[in-house]
Amino acid sequence: MKRKNGFRCSHCKQLVPITKFMGIEHRNHCPFCLWSKHVDLNKPGDRKAKCGAGMEPVGLTFKQEGMDKYGRPKQGEIMIIHRCAECGKISINRIAGDDEPKAILNVLKNSKNFSQNGIKFLTGKDKKEILTQLFGKKEKPGHQFLCI
């Protein structure tokens, strides 16, 4: 169900707010369970897909930002990899500032880790960078992040 200031998630049934105040005008997934809906066909925002099925968060990746001045890949922001539960279409969406960190870490933990369209799925080896992006802290020697 779509509402002026939000919608009800078709997967977890939570009410998902959309407010300019939060800096989120265009939402493409639920911040609680991270599921999306297959509505775009050729490009983000075109809303031309006829499928309309749920899109499961199957993994995480980093946005490809090009190369730094030394020829190394730049580290981009965290992106959610969604796969349509009906037709299998893959899409990649940025995380939002109000997404539940626990849900993001659960996607990493339960990643389906299949390869498609050259997408590099993140693994447990990437957890430190994910935590740094989510919480803004670098791990100090001798200290470990709390597992959520």
C-alpha atoms as a PDB file:
ATOM      1  CA  MET A   1       0.000   0.000   0.000  1.00  0.00           C
ATOM      2  CA  LYS A   2       1.478   3.353  -1.044  1.00  0.00           C
ATOM      3  CA  ARG A   3       0.948   6.461   1.053  1.00  0.00           C
ATOM      4  CA  LYS A   4       1.971  10.083   0.600  1.00  0.00           C
ATOM      5  CA  ASN A   5       4.618   9.884   3.315  1.00  0.00           C
ATOM      6  CA  GLY A   6       5.514   6.221   3.040  1.00  0.00           C
ATOM      7  CA  PHE A   7       4.361   2.697   2.326  1.00  0.00           C
ATOM      8  CA  ARG A   8       3.875  -0.641   4.037  1.00  0.00           C
ATOM      9  CA  CYS A   9       6.647  -3.151   3.305  1.00  0.00           C
ATOM     10  CA  SER A  10       5.256  -6.108   1.382  1.00  0.00           C
ATOM     11  CA  HIS A  11       7.744  -8.431   3.116  1.00  0.00           C
ATOM     12  CA  CYS A  12       7.858  -7.509   6.844  1.00  0.00           C
ATOM     13  CA  LYS A  13       4.664  -5.372   6.852  1.00  0.00           C
ATOM     14  CA  GLN A  14       6.347  -2.456   8.692  1.00  0.00           C
ATOM     15  CA  LEU A  15       5.277   1.097   7.838  1.00  0.00           C
ATOM     16  CA  VAL A  16       8.185   2.677   5.942  1.00  0.00           C
ATOM     17  CA  PRO A  17       8.347   6.479   6.232  1.00  0.00           C
ATOM     18  CA  ILE A  18       9.545   8.743   3.429  1.00  0.00           C
ATOM     19  CA  THR A  19      10.291  12.258   4.564  1.00  0.00           C
ATOM     20  CA  LYS A  20      12.383  15.112   3.190  1.00  0.00           C
ATOM     21  CA  PHE A  21      13.345  15.905   6.787  1.00  0.00           C
ATOM     22  CA  MET A  22      15.296  12.640   6.985  1.00  0.00           C
ATOM     23  CA  GLY A  23      16.973  13.376   3.651  1.00  0.00           C
ATOM     24  CA  ILE A  24      15.115  10.538   1.962  1.00  0.00           C
ATOM     25  CA  GLU A  25      12.700  11.487  -0.786  1.00  0.00           C
ATOM     26  CA  HIS A  26      13.043   8.385  -2.942  1.00  0.00           C
ATOM     27  CA  ARG A  27      13.091   5.070  -1.135  1.00  0.00           C
ATOM     28  CA  ASN A  28      13.649   1.759  -2.902  1.00  0.00           C
ATOM     29  CA  HIS A  29      13.801  -0.658   0.025  1.00  0.00           C
ATOM     30  CA  CYS A  30      12.528  -1.202   3.564  1.00  0.00           C
ATOM     31  CA  PRO A  31      14.956   0.074   6.259  1.00  0.00           C
ATOM     32  CA  PHE A  32      13.915  -2.753   8.612  1.00  0.00           C
ATOM     33  CA  CYS A  33      14.246  -5.909   6.476  1.00  0.00           C
ATOM     34  CA  LEU A  34      15.967  -4.350   3.403  1.00  0.00           C
ATOM     35  CA  TRP A  35      13.590  -6.061   0.949  1.00  0.00           C
ATOM     36  CA  SER A  36      12.644  -4.081  -2.137  1.00  0.00           C
ATOM     37  CA  LYS A  37      10.008  -4.409  -4.823  1.00  0.00           C
ATOM     38  CA  HIS A  38      10.631  -5.078  -8.507  1.00  0.00           C
ATOM     39  CA  VAL A  39       9.286  -1.887 -10.058  1.00  0.00           C
ATOM     40  CA  ASP A  40      12.118  -0.670 -12.320  1.00  0.00           C
ATOM     41  CA  LEU A  41      12.790  -2.214 -15.721  1.00  0.00           C
ATOM     42  CA  ASN A  42      15.682  -0.556 -17.558  1.00  0.00           C
ATOM     43  CA  LYS A  43      17.024   2.063 -15.163  1.00  0.00           C
ATOM     44  CA  PRO A  44      16.497   3.171 -11.555  1.00  0.00           C
ATOM     45  CA  GLY A  45      13.298   5.150 -11.162  1.00  0.00           C
ATOM     46  CA  ASP A  46      11.661   4.240 -14.493  1.00  0.00           C
ATOM     47  CA  ARG A  47       8.890   2.232 -12.708  1.00  0.00           C
ATOM     48  CA  LYS A  48       8.221   0.245 -15.905  1.00  0.00           C
ATOM     49  CA  ALA A  49       8.609  -3.325 -14.604  1.00  0.00           C
ATOM     50  CA  LYS A  50       5.479  -5.431 -14.818  1.00  0.00           C
ATOM     51  CA  CYS A  51       6.792  -8.055 -12.359  1.00  0.00           C
ATOM     52  CA  GLY A  52       6.108  -6.269  -9.047  1.00  0.00           C
ATOM     53  CA  ALA A  53       7.455  -9.166  -6.943  1.00  0.00           C
ATOM     54  CA  GLY A  54       9.570  -8.814  -3.833  1.00  0.00           C
ATOM     55  CA  MET A  55      13.307  -8.367  -4.221  1.00  0.00           C
ATOM     56  CA  GLU A  56      15.354 -10.184  -1.602  1.00  0.00           C
ATOM     57  CA  PRO A  57      18.567  -8.615  -0.263  1.00  0.00           C
ATOM     58  CA  VAL A  58      21.036 -11.352  -1.232  1.00  0.00           C
ATOM     59  CA  GLY A  59      24.350  -9.625  -0.653  1.00  0.00           C
ATOM     60  CA  LEU A  60      26.377  -6.456  -0.283  1.00  0.00           C
ATOM     61  CA  THR A  61      28.932  -4.818  -2.546  1.00  0.00           C
ATOM     62  CA  PHE A  62      30.845  -1.554  -2.667  1.00  0.00           C
ATOM     63  CA  LYS A  63      29.974   1.097  -5.237  1.00  0.00           C
ATOM     64  CA  GLN A  64      32.564   1.232  -8.007  1.00  0.00           C
ATOM     65  CA  GLU A  65      34.175   4.663  -7.737  1.00  0.00           C
ATOM     66  CA  GLY A  66      36.915   4.390 -10.365  1.00  0.00           C
ATOM     67  CA  MET A  67      40.629   4.556  -9.610  1.00  0.00           C
ATOM     68  CA  ASP A  68      42.708   6.701  -7.274  1.00  0.00           C
ATOM     69  CA  LYS A  69      45.821   8.572  -8.448  1.00  0.00           C
ATOM     70  CA  TYR A  70      47.908   5.418  -7.873  1.00  0.00           C
ATOM     71  CA  GLY A  71      45.720   3.232 -10.096  1.00  0.00           C
ATOM     72  CA  ARG A  72      44.032   1.398  -7.201  1.00  0.00           C
ATOM     73  CA  PRO A  73      40.251   1.017  -7.036  1.00  0.00           C
ATOM     74  CA  LYS A  74      38.598   3.670  -4.841  1.00  0.00           C
ATOM     75  CA  GLN A  75      36.523   2.342  -1.951  1.00  0.00           C
ATOM     76  CA  GLY A  76      32.885   3.257  -2.494  1.00  0.00           C
ATOM     77  CA  GLU A  77      29.825   3.241  -0.289  1.00  0.00           C
ATOM     78  CA  ILE A  78      27.942   0.083   0.744  1.00  0.00           C
ATOM     79  CA  MET A  79      25.355  -1.121  -1.749  1.00  0.00           C
ATOM     80  CA  ILE A  80      22.645  -3.771  -1.310  1.00  0.00           C
ATOM     81  CA  ILE A  81      22.344  -6.455  -3.983  1.00  0.00           C
ATOM     82  CA  HIS A  82      18.690  -7.410  -4.539  1.00  0.00           C
ATOM     83  CA  ARG A  83      17.396 -10.395  -6.520  1.00  0.00           C
ATOM     84  CA  CYS A  84      13.772 -10.615  -7.637  1.00  0.00           C
ATOM     85  CA  ALA A  85      12.035 -13.592  -6.027  1.00  0.00           C
ATOM     86  CA  GLU A  86       9.960 -14.119  -9.212  1.00  0.00           C
ATOM     87  CA  CYS A  87      12.113 -13.461 -12.259  1.00  0.00           C
ATOM     88  CA  GLY A  88      15.641 -13.367 -10.785  1.00  0.00           C
ATOM     89  CA  LYS A  89      16.524  -9.843 -11.966  1.00  0.00           C
ATOM     90  CA  ILE A  90      19.453  -8.365 -10.038  1.00  0.00           C
ATOM     91  CA  SER A  91      19.635  -4.724  -8.957  1.00  0.00           C
ATOM     92  CA  ILE A  92      22.025  -2.799  -6.748  1.00  0.00           C
ATOM     93  CA  ASN A  93      20.849  -0.002  -4.450  1.00  0.00           C
ATOM     94  CA  ARG A  94      22.643   2.287  -2.016  1.00  0.00           C
ATOM     95  CA  ILE A  95      21.972   1.856   1.644  1.00  0.00           C
ATOM     96  CA  ALA A  96      20.002   4.655   3.286  1.00  0.00           C
ATOM     97  CA  GLY A  97      20.985   6.556   6.419  1.00  0.00           C
ATOM     98  CA  ASP A  98      18.110   5.060   8.398  1.00  0.00           C
ATOM     99  CA  ASP A  99      18.668   1.426   7.383  1.00  0.00           C
ATOM    100  CA  GLU A 100      18.999  -0.901  10.358  1.00  0.00           C
ATOM    101  CA  PRO A 101      22.711  -1.736  10.819  1.00  0.00           C
ATOM    102  CA  LYS A 102      21.748  -5.152  12.188  1.00  0.00           C
ATOM    103  CA  ALA A 103      19.794  -5.896   8.997  1.00  0.00           C
ATOM    104  CA  ILE A 104      22.774  -4.834   6.858  1.00  0.00           C
ATOM    105  CA  LEU A 105      25.105  -7.116   8.830  1.00  0.00           C
ATOM    106  CA  ASN A 106      22.581  -9.966   8.550  1.00  0.00           C
ATOM    107  CA  VAL A 107      22.627  -9.608   4.758  1.00  0.00           C
ATOM    108  CA  LEU A 108      26.427  -9.893   4.872  1.00  0.00           C
ATOM    109  CA  LYS A 109      26.226 -12.933   7.144  1.00  0.00           C
ATOM    110  CA  ASN A 110      23.547 -14.667   5.032  1.00  0.00           C
ATOM    111  CA  SER A 111      24.891 -13.577   1.643  1.00  0.00           C
ATOM    112  CA  LYS A 112      23.939 -15.970  -1.147  1.00  0.00           C
ATOM    113  CA  ASN A 113      27.313 -15.098  -2.724  1.00  0.00           C
ATOM    114  CA  PHE A 114      26.559 -15.999  -6.305  1.00  0.00           C
ATOM    115  CA  SER A 115      28.319 -14.243  -9.138  1.00  0.00           C
ATOM    116  CA  GLN A 116      26.321 -12.353 -11.713  1.00  0.00           C
ATOM    117  CA  ASN A 117      27.059  -9.436 -14.029  1.00  0.00           C
ATOM    118  CA  GLY A 118      30.569  -9.067 -12.586  1.00  0.00           C
ATOM    119  CA  ILE A 119      29.266  -7.984  -9.158  1.00  0.00           C
ATOM    120  CA  LYS A 120      31.788  -8.544  -6.358  1.00  0.00           C
ATOM    121  CA  PHE A 121      29.895  -9.832  -3.327  1.00  0.00           C
ATOM    122  CA  LEU A 122      31.331  -8.786   0.021  1.00  0.00           C
ATOM    123  CA  THR A 123      32.377 -11.445   2.523  1.00  0.00           C
ATOM    124  CA  GLY A 124      33.345 -11.602   6.178  1.00  0.00           C
ATOM    125  CA  LYS A 125      36.756 -10.214   5.151  1.00  0.00           C
ATOM    126  CA  ASP A 126      34.996  -6.929   4.345  1.00  0.00           C
ATOM    127  CA  LYS A 127      33.213  -6.653   7.706  1.00  0.00           C
ATOM    128  CA  LYS A 128      35.728  -4.195   9.177  1.00  0.00           C
ATOM    129  CA  GLU A 129      35.195  -1.709   6.315  1.00  0.00           C
ATOM    130  CA  ILE A 130      31.416  -2.166   6.525  1.00  0.00           C
ATOM    131  CA  LEU A 131      31.464  -1.448  10.265  1.00  0.00           C
ATOM    132  CA  THR A 132      33.654   1.593   9.666  1.00  0.00           C
ATOM    133  CA  GLN A 133      31.186   2.949   7.117  1.00  0.00           C
ATOM    134  CA  LEU A 134      28.183   2.213   9.329  1.00  0.00           C
ATOM    135  CA  PHE A 135      29.568   3.470  12.629  1.00  0.00           C
ATOM    136  CA  GLY A 136      32.433   5.761  11.622  1.00  0.00           C
ATOM    137  CA  LYS A 137      35.152   4.148  13.707  1.00  0.00           C
ATOM    138  CA  LYS A 138      38.348   2.375  12.826  1.00  0.00           C
ATOM    139  CA  GLU A 139      39.156  -0.641  14.960  1.00  0.00           C
ATOM    140  CA  LYS A 140      41.972   0.080  17.434  1.00  0.00           C
ATOM    141  CA  PRO A 141      44.693  -2.541  17.932  1.00  0.00           C
ATOM    142  CA  GLY A 142      43.661  -4.909  20.709  1.00  0.00           C
ATOM    143  CA  HIS A 143      39.977  -3.918  20.454  1.00  0.00           C
ATOM    144  CA  GLN A 144      37.268  -5.569  18.424  1.00  0.00           C
ATOM    145  CA  PHE A 145      33.910  -4.324  17.249  1.00  0.00           C
ATOM    146  CA  LEU A 146      30.949  -5.712  19.115  1.00  0.00           C
ATOM    147  CA  CYS A 147      29.017  -8.187  17.031  1.00  0.00           C
ATOM    148  CA  ILE A 148      25.497  -7.033  16.423  1.00  0.00           C
END
